[in-house]
C-alpha atoms as a PDB file:
ATOM      1  CA  UNK A   1       0.000   0.000   0.000  1.00  0.00           C
ATOM      2  CA  UNK A   2       1.432   3.372  -1.082  1.00  0.00           C
ATOM      3  CA  UNK A   3       0.938   6.252   1.360  1.00  0.00           C
ATOM      4  CA  UNK A   4       1.990   9.761   2.232  1.00  0.00           C
ATOM      5  CA  UNK A   5       2.267  11.236   5.712  1.00  0.00           C
ATOM      6  CA  UNK A   6      -0.342  13.963   6.189  1.00  0.00           C
ATOM      7  CA  UNK A   7      -1.046  16.423   8.976  1.00  0.00           C
ATOM      8  CA  UNK A   8      -3.746  18.849  10.085  1.00  0.00           C
ATOM      9  CA  UNK A   9      -2.213  21.578  12.272  1.00  0.00           C
ATOM     10  CA  UNK A  10      -5.094  23.343  13.996  1.00  0.00           C
ATOM     11  CA  UNK A  11      -5.371  25.952  16.692  1.00  0.00           C
ATOM     12  CA  UNK A  12      -6.814  23.523  19.265  1.00  0.00           C
ATOM     13  CA  UNK A  13      -5.425  20.159  18.167  1.00  0.00           C
ATOM     14  CA  UNK A  14      -3.274  18.574  15.492  1.00  0.00           C
ATOM     15  CA  UNK A  15      -3.952  15.297  13.699  1.00  0.00           C
ATOM     16  CA  UNK A  16      -1.462  13.198  11.770  1.00  0.00           C
ATOM     17  CA  UNK A  17      -1.890  10.010   9.743  1.00  0.00           C
ATOM     18  CA  UNK A  18      -0.887   8.034   6.695  1.00  0.00           C
ATOM     19  CA  UNK A  19      -3.189   8.572   3.709  1.00  0.00           C
ATOM     20  CA  UNK A  20      -3.435   5.950   0.969  1.00  0.00           C
ATOM     21  CA  UNK A  21      -4.518   6.359  -2.655  1.00  0.00           C
ATOM     22  CA  UNK A  22      -8.075   5.195  -1.847  1.00  0.00           C
ATOM     23  CA  UNK A  23      -8.410   8.159   0.586  1.00  0.00           C
ATOM     24  CA  UNK A  24      -8.271   5.857   3.605  1.00  0.00           C
ATOM     25  CA  UNK A  25      -6.636   7.310   6.727  1.00  0.00           C
ATOM     26  CA  UNK A  26      -4.348   5.035   8.746  1.00  0.00           C
ATOM     27  CA  UNK A  27      -2.404   5.081  12.032  1.00  0.00           C
ATOM     28  CA  UNK A  28      -3.938   8.342  13.295  1.00  0.00           C
ATOM     29  CA  UNK A  29      -2.234  10.324  16.056  1.00  0.00           C
ATOM     30  CA  UNK A  30      -3.750  13.318  17.880  1.00  0.00           C
ATOM     31  CA  UNK A  31      -1.707  16.066  19.548  1.00  0.00           C
ATOM     32  CA  UNK A  32      -3.099  18.989  21.581  1.00  0.00           C
ATOM     33  CA  UNK A  33      -1.905  22.342  20.249  1.00  0.00           C
ATOM     34  CA  UNK A  34       0.240  23.923  22.939  1.00  0.00           C
ATOM     35  CA  UNK A  35       1.492  27.498  22.646  1.00  0.00           C
ATOM     36  CA  UNK A  36       5.147  26.789  23.509  1.00  0.00           C
ATOM     37  CA  UNK A  37       7.249  25.848  20.476  1.00  0.00           C
ATOM     38  CA  UNK A  38       9.565  23.331  22.124  1.00  0.00           C
ATOM     39  CA  UNK A  39       6.711  21.348  23.638  1.00  0.00           C
ATOM     40  CA  UNK A  40       4.780  21.516  20.364  1.00  0.00           C
ATOM     41  CA  UNK A  41       7.690  20.148  18.334  1.00  0.00           C
ATOM     42  CA  UNK A  42       8.363  17.396  20.873  1.00  0.00           C
ATOM     43  CA  UNK A  43       4.747  16.234  20.610  1.00  0.00           C
ATOM     44  CA  UNK A  44       4.896  16.431  16.797  1.00  0.00           C
ATOM     45  CA  UNK A  45       8.094  14.319  16.765  1.00  0.00           C
ATOM     46  CA  UNK A  46       6.497  11.704  18.978  1.00  0.00           C
ATOM     47  CA  UNK A  47       3.352  11.483  16.844  1.00  0.00           C
ATOM     48  CA  UNK A  48       5.208  11.208  13.538  1.00  0.00           C
ATOM     49  CA  UNK A  49       7.590   8.603  14.965  1.00  0.00           C
ATOM     50  CA  UNK A  50       4.655   6.446  16.106  1.00  0.00           C
ATOM     51  CA  UNK A  51       3.046   6.676  12.677  1.00  0.00           C
ATOM     52  CA  UNK A  52       6.136   5.860  10.635  1.00  0.00           C
ATOM     53  CA  UNK A  53       7.659   3.170  12.894  1.00  0.00           C
ATOM     54  CA  UNK A  54       6.882  -0.560  12.822  1.00  0.00           C
ATOM     55  CA  UNK A  55       4.715  -0.383   9.714  1.00  0.00           C
ATOM     56  CA  UNK A  56       2.642  -3.471   8.897  1.00  0.00           C
ATOM     57  CA  UNK A  57       3.861  -5.657   5.995  1.00  0.00           C
ATOM     58  CA  UNK A  58       1.223  -4.339   3.577  1.00  0.00           C
ATOM     59  CA  UNK A  59       2.184  -0.690   4.145  1.00  0.00           C
ATOM     60  CA  UNK A  60       5.135   0.897   2.367  1.00  0.00           C
ATOM     61  CA  UNK A  61       7.030   3.754   4.052  1.00  0.00           C
ATOM     62  CA  UNK A  62       5.422   7.104   3.164  1.00  0.00           C
ATOM     63  CA  UNK A  63       6.537   8.699  -0.093  1.00  0.00           C
ATOM     64  CA  UNK A  64       6.401  12.283   1.185  1.00  0.00           C
ATOM     65  CA  UNK A  65       4.767  14.476   3.806  1.00  0.00           C
ATOM     66  CA  UNK A  66       2.118  17.182   3.468  1.00  0.00           C
ATOM     67  CA  UNK A  67       0.687  19.411   6.190  1.00  0.00           C
ATOM     68  CA  UNK A  68      -2.401  21.579   6.113  1.00  0.00           C
ATOM     69  CA  UNK A  69      -1.824  24.347   8.604  1.00  0.00           C
ATOM     70  CA  UNK A  70      -3.436  27.494   9.882  1.00  0.00           C
ATOM     71  CA  UNK A  71      -1.673  30.675   8.803  1.00  0.00           C
ATOM     72  CA  UNK A  72      -0.089  31.983   5.627  1.00  0.00           C
ATOM     73  CA  UNK A  73       2.565  29.968   3.800  1.00  0.00           C
ATOM     74  CA  UNK A  74       5.227  32.205   2.157  1.00  0.00           C
ATOM     75  CA  UNK A  75       5.949  31.673  -1.530  1.00  0.00           C
ATOM     76  CA  UNK A  76       8.920  29.418  -0.822  1.00  0.00           C
ATOM     77  CA  UNK A  77       6.547  26.995   0.939  1.00  0.00           C
ATOM     78  CA  UNK A  78       8.979  26.251   3.742  1.00  0.00           C
ATOM     79  CA  UNK A  79       7.518  27.944   6.822  1.00  0.00           C
ATOM     80  CA  UNK A  80       4.358  29.410   8.343  1.00  0.00           C
ATOM     81  CA  UNK A  81       3.713  33.112   8.682  1.00  0.00           C
ATOM     82  CA  UNK A  82       1.006  34.816  10.727  1.00  0.00           C
ATOM     83  CA  UNK A  83      -0.331  31.774  12.569  1.00  0.00           C
ATOM     84  CA  UNK A  84      -1.809  33.329  15.741  1.00  0.00           C
ATOM     85  CA  UNK A  85      -3.074  29.970  17.058  1.00  0.00           C
ATOM     86  CA  UNK A  86       0.204  28.054  16.499  1.00  0.00           C
ATOM     87  CA  UNK A  87       3.696  28.586  18.025  1.00  0.00           C
ATOM     88  CA  UNK A  88       5.315  28.373  14.592  1.00  0.00           C
ATOM     89  CA  UNK A  89       5.505  31.901  13.157  1.00  0.00           C
ATOM     90  CA  UNK A  90       8.543  31.982  10.882  1.00  0.00           C
ATOM     91  CA  UNK A  91       9.654  28.472  11.848  1.00  0.00           C
ATOM     92  CA  UNK A  92      11.107  26.394   8.940  1.00  0.00           C
ATOM     93  CA  UNK A  93       8.716  23.491   9.494  1.00  0.00           C
ATOM     94  CA  UNK A  94       9.241  21.838   6.101  1.00  0.00           C
ATOM     95  CA  UNK A  95      13.009  21.631   6.593  1.00  0.00           C
ATOM     96  CA  UNK A  96      12.526  20.450  10.172  1.00  0.00           C
ATOM     97  CA  UNK A  97      10.372  17.477   9.098  1.00  0.00           C
ATOM     98  CA  UNK A  98      12.674  16.690   6.167  1.00  0.00           C
ATOM     99  CA  UNK A  99      15.726  16.632   8.415  1.00  0.00           C
ATOM    100  CA  UNK A 100      14.027  14.557  11.124  1.00  0.00           C
ATOM    101  CA  UNK A 101      12.141  12.052   8.972  1.00  0.00           C
ATOM    102  CA  UNK A 102      13.742  12.172   5.521  1.00  0.00           C
ATOM    103  CA  UNK A 103      10.483  13.019   3.753  1.00  0.00           C
ATOM    104  CA  UNK A 104      10.108  15.784   1.180  1.00  0.00           C
ATOM    105  CA  UNK A 105       7.570  18.047   2.895  1.00  0.00           C
ATOM    106  CA  UNK A 106       4.881  20.340   1.479  1.00  0.00           C
ATOM    107  CA  UNK A 107       3.028  22.975   3.510  1.00  0.00           C
ATOM    108  CA  UNK A 108      -0.442  24.141   2.508  1.00  0.00           C
ATOM    109  CA  UNK A 109      -2.883  26.515   4.171  1.00  0.00           C
ATOM    110  CA  UNK A 110      -5.471  24.389   5.988  1.00  0.00           C
ATOM    111  CA  UNK A 111      -8.480  26.037   4.347  1.00  0.00           C
ATOM    112  CA  UNK A 112      -6.979  25.338   0.946  1.00  0.00           C
ATOM    113  CA  UNK A 113      -6.180  21.759   1.992  1.00  0.00           C
ATOM    114  CA  UNK A 114      -9.780  21.228   3.150  1.00  0.00           C
ATOM    115  CA  UNK A 115     -11.158  22.593  -0.083  1.00  0.00           C
ATOM    116  CA  UNK A 116      -8.903  20.361  -2.166  1.00  0.00           C
ATOM    117  CA  UNK A 117      -9.937  17.318  -0.139  1.00  0.00           C
ATOM    118  CA  UNK A 118     -13.635  18.148  -0.472  1.00  0.00           C
ATOM    119  CA  UNK A 119     -13.197  18.759  -4.212  1.00  0.00           C
ATOM    120  CA  UNK A 120     -11.564  15.364  -4.637  1.00  0.00           C
ATOM    121  CA  UNK A 121     -13.971  13.299  -2.546  1.00  0.00           C
ATOM    122  CA  UNK A 122     -16.617  15.361  -0.693  1.00  0.00           C
ATOM    123  CA  UNK A 123     -20.355  15.901  -1.153  1.00  0.00           C
ATOM    124  CA  UNK A 124     -19.621  18.597  -3.762  1.00  0.00           C
ATOM    125  CA  UNK A 125     -16.797  16.702  -5.488  1.00  0.00           C
ATOM    126  CA  UNK A 126     -15.967  18.137  -8.879  1.00  0.00           C
ATOM    127  CA  UNK A 127     -18.070  21.312  -8.434  1.00  0.00           C
ATOM    128  CA  UNK A 128     -15.962  24.167  -9.769  1.00  0.00           C
ATOM    129  CA  UNK A 129     -15.521  26.827  -8.453  1.00  0.00           C
ATOM    130  CA  UNK A 130     -15.895  25.273  -5.012  1.00  0.00           C
ATOM    131  CA  UNK A 131     -15.836  27.419  -1.865  1.00  0.00           C
ATOM    132  CA  UNK A 132     -15.189  25.838   1.529  1.00  0.00           C
ATOM    133  CA  UNK A 133     -15.687  27.717   4.795  1.00  0.00           C
ATOM    134  CA  UNK A 134     -14.705  26.158   8.106  1.00  0.00           C
ATOM    135  CA  UNK A 135     -15.636  27.781  11.393  1.00  0.00           C
ATOM    136  CA  UNK A 136     -13.214  26.283  13.896  1.00  0.00           C
ATOM    137  CA  UNK A 137     -10.848  27.848  16.430  1.00  0.00           C
ATOM    138  CA  UNK A 138     -10.330  30.389  13.653  1.00  0.00           C
ATOM    139  CA  UNK A 139     -11.975  30.660  10.246  1.00  0.00           C
ATOM    140  CA  UNK A 140     -10.612  28.644   7.354  1.00  0.00           C
ATOM    141  CA  UNK A 141     -11.472  29.245   3.722  1.00  0.00           C
ATOM    142  CA  UNK A 142     -10.465  27.493   0.541  1.00  0.00           C
ATOM    143  CA  UNK A 143     -11.420  28.158  -3.069  1.00  0.00           C
ATOM    144  CA  UNK A 144     -10.941  25.636  -5.855  1.00  0.00           C
ATOM    145  CA  UNK A 145     -10.705  27.142  -9.343  1.00  0.00           C
ATOM    146  CA  UNK A 146      -9.997  25.014 -12.418  1.00  0.00           C
ATOM    147  CA  UNK A 147      -9.461  21.967 -10.238  1.00  0.00           C
ATOM    148  CA  UNK A 148      -6.806  23.369  -7.910  1.00  0.00           C
ATOM    149  CA  UNK A 149      -6.610  25.650  -4.881  1.00  0.00           C
ATOM    150  CA  UNK A 150      -6.501  29.377  -5.572  1.00  0.00           C
ATOM    151  CA  UNK A 151      -3.428  30.808  -3.833  1.00  0.00           C
ATOM    152  CA  UNK A 152      -3.341  34.473  -4.836  1.00  0.00           C
ATOM    153  CA  UNK A 153      -0.364  36.555  -5.879  1.00  0.00           C
ATOM    154  CA  UNK A 154       1.754  35.850  -2.791  1.00  0.00           C
ATOM    155  CA  UNK A 155       0.190  32.568  -1.617  1.00  0.00           C
ATOM    156  CA  UNK A 156      -1.816  34.513   0.981  1.00  0.00           C
ATOM    157  CA  UNK A 157      -5.336  34.397  -0.496  1.00  0.00           C
ATOM    158  CA  UNK A 158      -8.221  33.383   1.710  1.00  0.00           C
ATOM    159  CA  UNK A 159      -7.666  35.025   5.096  1.00  0.00           C
ATOM    160  CA  UNK A 160     -11.296  36.115   5.150  1.00  0.00           C
ATOM    161  CA  UNK A 161     -11.527  35.764   8.915  1.00  0.00           C
ATOM    162  CA  UNK A 162      -9.139  38.688   9.139  1.00  0.00           C
ATOM    163  CA  UNK A 163     -11.267  41.037   7.084  1.00  0.00           C
ATOM    164  CA  UNK A 164     -13.316  43.591   9.002  1.00  0.00           C
ATOM    165  CA  UNK A 165     -16.779  42.965  10.395  1.00  0.00           C
ATOM    166  CA  UNK A 166     -16.921  45.935  12.782  1.00  0.00           C
ATOM    167  CA  UNK A 167     -14.359  48.729  12.294  1.00  0.00           C
ATOM    168  CA  UNK A 168     -12.540  49.405  15.555  1.00  0.00           C
ATOM    169  CA  UNK A 169     -14.298  46.468  17.202  1.00  0.00           C
ATOM    170  CA  UNK A 170     -13.117  43.568  19.335  1.00  0.00           C
ATOM    171  CA  UNK A 171      -9.467  42.593  19.114  1.00  0.00           C
ATOM    172  CA  UNK A 172      -8.733  39.521  17.003  1.00  0.00           C
ATOM    173  CA  UNK A 173      -6.087  36.914  18.001  1.00  0.00           C
ATOM    174  CA  UNK A 174      -4.002  38.301  15.125  1.00  0.00           C
ATOM    175  CA  UNK A 175      -3.952  41.710  16.810  1.00  0.00           C
ATOM    176  CA  UNK A 176      -6.309  43.481  14.417  1.00  0.00           C
ATOM    177  CA  UNK A 177      -9.567  45.131  15.475  1.00  0.00           C
ATOM    178  CA  UNK A 178     -13.073  44.120  14.463  1.00  0.00           C
ATOM    179  CA  UNK A 179     -12.198  41.089  12.348  1.00  0.00           C
ATOM    180  CA  UNK A 180     -14.807  38.427  11.622  1.00  0.00           C
ATOM    181  CA  UNK A 181     -12.721  35.866  13.503  1.00  0.00           C
ATOM    182  CA  UNK A 182     -13.078  37.945  16.683  1.00  0.00           C
ATOM    183  CA  UNK A 183     -16.862  37.395  16.527  1.00  0.00           C
ATOM    184  CA  UNK A 184     -17.590  34.001  14.952  1.00  0.00           C
ATOM    185  CA  UNK A 185     -14.385  32.034  15.444  1.00  0.00           C
ATOM    186  CA  UNK A 186     -14.660  29.294  18.064  1.00  0.00           C
ATOM    187  CA  UNK A 187     -11.879  30.724  20.184  1.00  0.00           C
ATOM    188  CA  UNK A 188     -13.578  34.128  20.231  1.00  0.00           C
ATOM    189  CA  UNK A 189     -16.945  32.636  21.214  1.00  0.00           C
ATOM    190  CA  UNK A 190     -15.531  30.645  24.131  1.00  0.00           C
ATOM    191  CA  UNK A 191     -13.287  33.472  25.341  1.00  0.00           C
ATOM    192  CA  UNK A 192     -16.268  35.810  25.251  1.00  0.00           C
ATOM    193  CA  UNK A 193     -18.234  33.265  27.295  1.00  0.00           C
ATOM    194  CA  UNK A 194     -15.506  33.124  29.936  1.00  0.00           C
ATOM    195  CA  UNK A 195     -15.398  36.926  30.009  1.00  0.00           C
ATOM    196  CA  UNK A 196     -19.158  37.435  30.407  1.00  0.00           C
ATOM    197  CA  UNK A 197     -20.156  34.311  32.344  1.00  0.00           C
ATOM    198  CA  UNK A 198     -17.024  33.361  34.236  1.00  0.00           C
ATOM    199  CA  UNK A 199     -15.152  30.056  34.171  1.00  0.00           C
ATOM    200  CA  UNK A 200     -16.993  26.757  34.060  1.00  0.00           C
ATOM    201  CA  UNK A 201     -16.453  24.194  36.791  1.00  0.00           C
ATOM    202  CA  UNK A 202     -13.429  22.068  36.023  1.00  0.00           C
ATOM    203  CA  UNK A 203     -13.603  22.393  32.227  1.00  0.00           C
ATOM    204  CA  UNK A 204     -13.210  25.048  29.589  1.00  0.00           C
ATOM    205  CA  UNK A 205     -16.088  26.618  27.706  1.00  0.00           C
ATOM    206  CA  UNK A 206     -17.028  25.038  24.377  1.00  0.00           C
ATOM    207  CA  UNK A 207     -19.336  26.370  21.686  1.00  0.00           C
ATOM    208  CA  UNK A 208     -21.786  23.577  22.502  1.00  0.00           C
ATOM    209  CA  UNK A 209     -21.810  24.619  26.154  1.00  0.00           C
ATOM    210  CA  UNK A 210     -22.581  28.231  25.211  1.00  0.00           C
ATOM    211  CA  UNK A 211     -25.452  27.017  23.011  1.00  0.00           C
ATOM    212  CA  UNK A 212     -26.815  24.896  25.867  1.00  0.00           C
ATOM    213  CA  UNK A 213     -26.696  27.790  28.356  1.00  0.00           C
ATOM    214  CA  UNK A 214     -28.465  30.042  25.846  1.00  0.00           C
ATOM    215  CA  UNK A 215     -31.570  27.825  25.986  1.00  0.00           C
ATOM    216  CA  UNK A 216     -32.099  28.593  29.664  1.00  0.00           C
ATOM    217  CA  UNK A 217     -33.266  31.612  31.634  1.00  0.00           C
ATOM    218  CA  UNK A 218     -31.446  34.167  33.738  1.00  0.00           C
ATOM    219  CA  UNK A 219     -28.461  36.426  33.309  1.00  0.00           C
ATOM    220  CA  UNK A 220     -26.103  33.741  32.035  1.00  0.00           C
ATOM    221  CA  UNK A 221     -28.619  32.658  29.406  1.00  0.00           C
ATOM    222  CA  UNK A 222     -29.015  36.264  28.270  1.00  0.00           C
ATOM    223  CA  UNK A 223     -25.248  36.650  28.021  1.00  0.00           C
ATOM    224  CA  UNK A 224     -24.930  33.422  26.047  1.00  0.00           C
ATOM    225  CA  UNK A 225     -27.668  34.510  23.647  1.00  0.00           C
ATOM    226  CA  UNK A 226     -25.965  37.864  23.088  1.00  0.00           C
ATOM    227  CA  UNK A 227     -22.729  36.074  22.162  1.00  0.00           C
ATOM    228  CA  UNK A 228     -24.534  33.789  19.718  1.00  0.00           C
ATOM    229  CA  UNK A 229     -26.569  36.581  18.114  1.00  0.00           C
ATOM    230  CA  UNK A 230     -23.373  38.499  17.406  1.00  0.00           C
ATOM    231  CA  UNK A 231     -21.610  35.371  16.132  1.00  0.00           C
ATOM    232  CA  UNK A 232     -24.542  34.499  13.872  1.00  0.00           C
ATOM    233  CA  UNK A 233     -24.606  37.978  12.365  1.00  0.00           C
ATOM    234  CA  UNK A 234     -20.887  37.784  11.654  1.00  0.00           C
ATOM    235  CA  UNK A 235     -20.962  34.254  10.199  1.00  0.00           C
ATOM    236  CA  UNK A 236     -23.964  34.934   7.952  1.00  0.00           C
ATOM    237  CA  UNK A 237     -22.479  38.207   6.720  1.00  0.00           C
ATOM    238  CA  UNK A 238     -19.122  36.579   6.020  1.00  0.00           C
ATOM    239  CA  UNK A 239     -20.616  33.757   3.931  1.00  0.00           C
ATOM    240  CA  UNK A 240     -22.920  36.076   1.967  1.00  0.00           C
ATOM    241  CA  UNK A 241     -20.015  38.430   1.245  1.00  0.00           C
ATOM    242  CA  UNK A 242     -17.810  35.536   0.116  1.00  0.00           C
ATOM    243  CA  UNK A 243     -20.525  34.191  -2.194  1.00  0.00           C
ATOM    244  CA  UNK A 244     -21.109  37.614  -3.752  1.00  0.00           C
ATOM    245  CA  UNK A 245     -17.395  38.156  -4.276  1.00  0.00           C
ATOM    246  CA  UNK A 246     -16.484  34.681  -5.554  1.00  0.00           C
ATOM    247  CA  UNK A 247     -19.707  33.340  -7.156  1.00  0.00           C
ATOM    248  CA  UNK A 248     -19.003  29.677  -6.325  1.00  0.00           C
ATOM    249  CA  UNK A 249     -20.884  26.732  -7.790  1.00  0.00           C
ATOM    250  CA  UNK A 250     -21.139  25.133  -4.367  1.00  0.00           C
ATOM    251  CA  UNK A 251     -20.290  25.953  -0.761  1.00  0.00           C
ATOM    252  CA  UNK A 252     -19.041  23.434   1.794  1.00  0.00           C
ATOM    253  CA  UNK A 253     -19.641  24.400   5.432  1.00  0.00           C
ATOM    254  CA  UNK A 254     -17.888  22.724   8.339  1.00  0.00           C
ATOM    255  CA  UNK A 255     -15.792  23.118  11.451  1.00  0.00           C
ATOM    256  CA  UNK A 256     -16.125  22.701  15.188  1.00  0.00           C
ATOM    257  CA  UNK A 257     -18.353  25.755  15.653  1.00  0.00           C
ATOM    258  CA  UNK A 258     -21.008  24.202  13.393  1.00  0.00           C
ATOM    259  CA  UNK A 259     -20.590  20.830  15.097  1.00  0.00           C
ATOM    260  CA  UNK A 260     -21.324  22.417  18.468  1.00  0.00           C
ATOM    261  CA  UNK A 261     -24.008  24.703  17.057  1.00  0.00           C
ATOM    262  CA  UNK A 262     -25.788  22.867  14.193  1.00  0.00           C
ATOM    263  CA  UNK A 263     -28.519  25.515  13.877  1.00  0.00           C
ATOM    264  CA  UNK A 264     -25.934  27.994  12.579  1.00  0.00           C
ATOM    265  CA  UNK A 265     -25.599  25.971   9.357  1.00  0.00           C
ATOM    266  CA  UNK A 266     -29.328  26.351   8.677  1.00  0.00           C
ATOM    267  CA  UNK A 267     -29.266  30.077   9.429  1.00  0.00           C
ATOM    268  CA  UNK A 268     -26.357  30.678   7.067  1.00  0.00           C
ATOM    269  CA  UNK A 269     -28.096  28.750   4.278  1.00  0.00           C
ATOM    270  CA  UNK A 270     -31.297  30.770   4.830  1.00  0.00           C
ATOM    271  CA  UNK A 271     -29.447  34.096   4.995  1.00  0.00           C
ATOM    272  CA  UNK A 272     -27.427  33.884   1.786  1.00  0.00           C
ATOM    273  CA  UNK A 273     -30.378  34.011  -0.668  1.00  0.00           C
ATOM    274  CA  UNK A 274     -31.805  36.982   1.242  1.00  0.00           C
ATOM    275  CA  UNK A 275     -28.503  38.857   1.119  1.00  0.00           C
ATOM    276  CA  UNK A 276     -27.322  38.114  -2.438  1.00  0.00           C
ATOM    277  CA  UNK A 277     -28.620  38.574  -5.967  1.00  0.00           C
ATOM    278  CA  UNK A 278     -30.346  35.769  -7.827  1.00  0.00           C
ATOM    279  CA  UNK A 279     -27.343  35.472 -10.140  1.00  0.00           C
ATOM    280  CA  UNK A 280     -25.312  34.418  -7.090  1.00  0.00           C
ATOM    281  CA  UNK A 281     -27.719  32.097  -5.311  1.00  0.00           C
ATOM    282  CA  UNK A 282     -30.150  30.656  -7.861  1.00  0.00           C
ATOM    283  CA  UNK A 283     -28.001  27.589  -8.625  1.00  0.00           C
ATOM    284  CA  UNK A 284     -25.861  27.643  -5.506  1.00  0.00           C
ATOM    285  CA  UNK A 285     -25.567  24.353  -3.629  1.00  0.00           C
ATOM    286  CA  UNK A 286     -24.749  24.193   0.097  1.00  0.00           C
ATOM    287  CA  UNK A 287     -23.396  20.959   1.563  1.00  0.00           C
ATOM    288  CA  UNK A 288     -21.852  19.887   4.844  1.00  0.00           C
ATOM    289  CA  UNK A 289     -18.266  18.767   4.943  1.00  0.00           C
ATOM    290  CA  UNK A 290     -17.849  15.095   4.142  1.00  0.00           C
ATOM    291  CA  UNK A 291     -14.326  14.681   5.335  1.00  0.00           C
ATOM    292  CA  UNK A 292     -14.047  17.103   8.250  1.00  0.00           C
ATOM    293  CA  UNK A 293     -10.493  16.786   9.468  1.00  0.00           C
ATOM    294  CA  UNK A 294      -9.972  13.971   6.954  1.00  0.00           C
ATOM    295  CA  UNK A 295     -10.516  16.480   4.145  1.00  0.00           C
ATOM    296  CA  UNK A 296      -7.510  18.463   5.350  1.00  0.00           C
ATOM    297  CA  UNK A 297      -5.449  15.270   5.322  1.00  0.00           C
ATOM    298  CA  UNK A 298      -6.664  14.400   1.800  1.00  0.00           C
ATOM    299  CA  UNK A 299      -5.788  17.883   0.566  1.00  0.00           C
ATOM    300  CA  UNK A 300      -2.399  17.866   2.266  1.00  0.00           C
ATOM    301  CA  UNK A 301      -1.703  14.483   0.692  1.00  0.00           C
ATOM    302  CA  UNK A 302      -2.773  15.805  -2.722  1.00  0.00           C
ATOM    303  CA  UNK A 303      -0.391  18.760  -2.345  1.00  0.00           C
ATOM    304  CA  UNK A 304       2.595  16.393  -2.304  1.00  0.00           C
ATOM    305  CA  UNK A 305       1.727  15.294  -5.884  1.00  0.00           C
ATOM    306  CA  UNK A 306       2.908  11.800  -4.956  1.00  0.00           C
ATOM    307  CA  UNK A 307      -0.340   9.913  -4.356  1.00  0.00           C
ATOM    308  CA  UNK A 308      -3.422  11.113  -6.253  1.00  0.00           C
ATOM    309  CA  UNK A 309      -3.747  11.972  -9.925  1.00  0.00           C
ATOM    310  CA  UNK A 310      -2.672  15.603 -10.508  1.00  0.00           C
ATOM    311  CA  UNK A 311      -5.438  18.201 -10.602  1.00  0.00           C
ATOM    312  CA  UNK A 312      -6.428  19.129 -14.134  1.00  0.00           C
END
């Protein structure tokens, strides 16, 4: 069995595995995302060593490595820039993995990796242009045009979460003010919950917990509802803006925020036709992610050009 080593480097957790040509995911390892670089790299080393050691007889050593990661990948494709949820700003991650594991390594923005994976195998496979929006710790976006991810002039296209929702508004993890991510990113929602409602007992706030509190009565319920109303406005506006700007043939929605708050998916789908022209929405198809985190792994594997047929 031919495979590549693939990774999903997220703001809350990282996931690594071998991906085979039939899109199967093998020998999965999970690593919490810590904010200290040394500890992060130690956990990454341990996970990759477990995956690549003592392979079963039917599994060849991986041909290459590909990682979908939050942040912007510079044109040389060797490091990560502006990754506020990862301790890797400016770190030469590709060279690090190549030196440690002897695998030619490709880095790809995680939104772009997700979109490529969904285009190859998801519910909207083959729909072109295909727009993917993932509401997780931050906001990931990927656009497939002519069968491959759109990268922009400096490989920085797609940071829609860091466009402005409210000028001069709440501070985003990136340091900017009023960005969409500061209102409808998962990290922003849970941090806002801790700020307005205090810490939970023994565990951290999750989006699902905020949604559950919002169904009750009292001051905490009112606070939770105010957080969700603001987040819904931001998420719906962001998707409608993206559809008007990019005119996709289909939109894939996913991410941990939607998993913890399923009603948001329905509200986004209802909002877009009301906020866009008929030319934008009359043939627009909305689907849920098929692969989830697997889609990032599929896209990261595709980026190595060693496993799947090249994009047309």
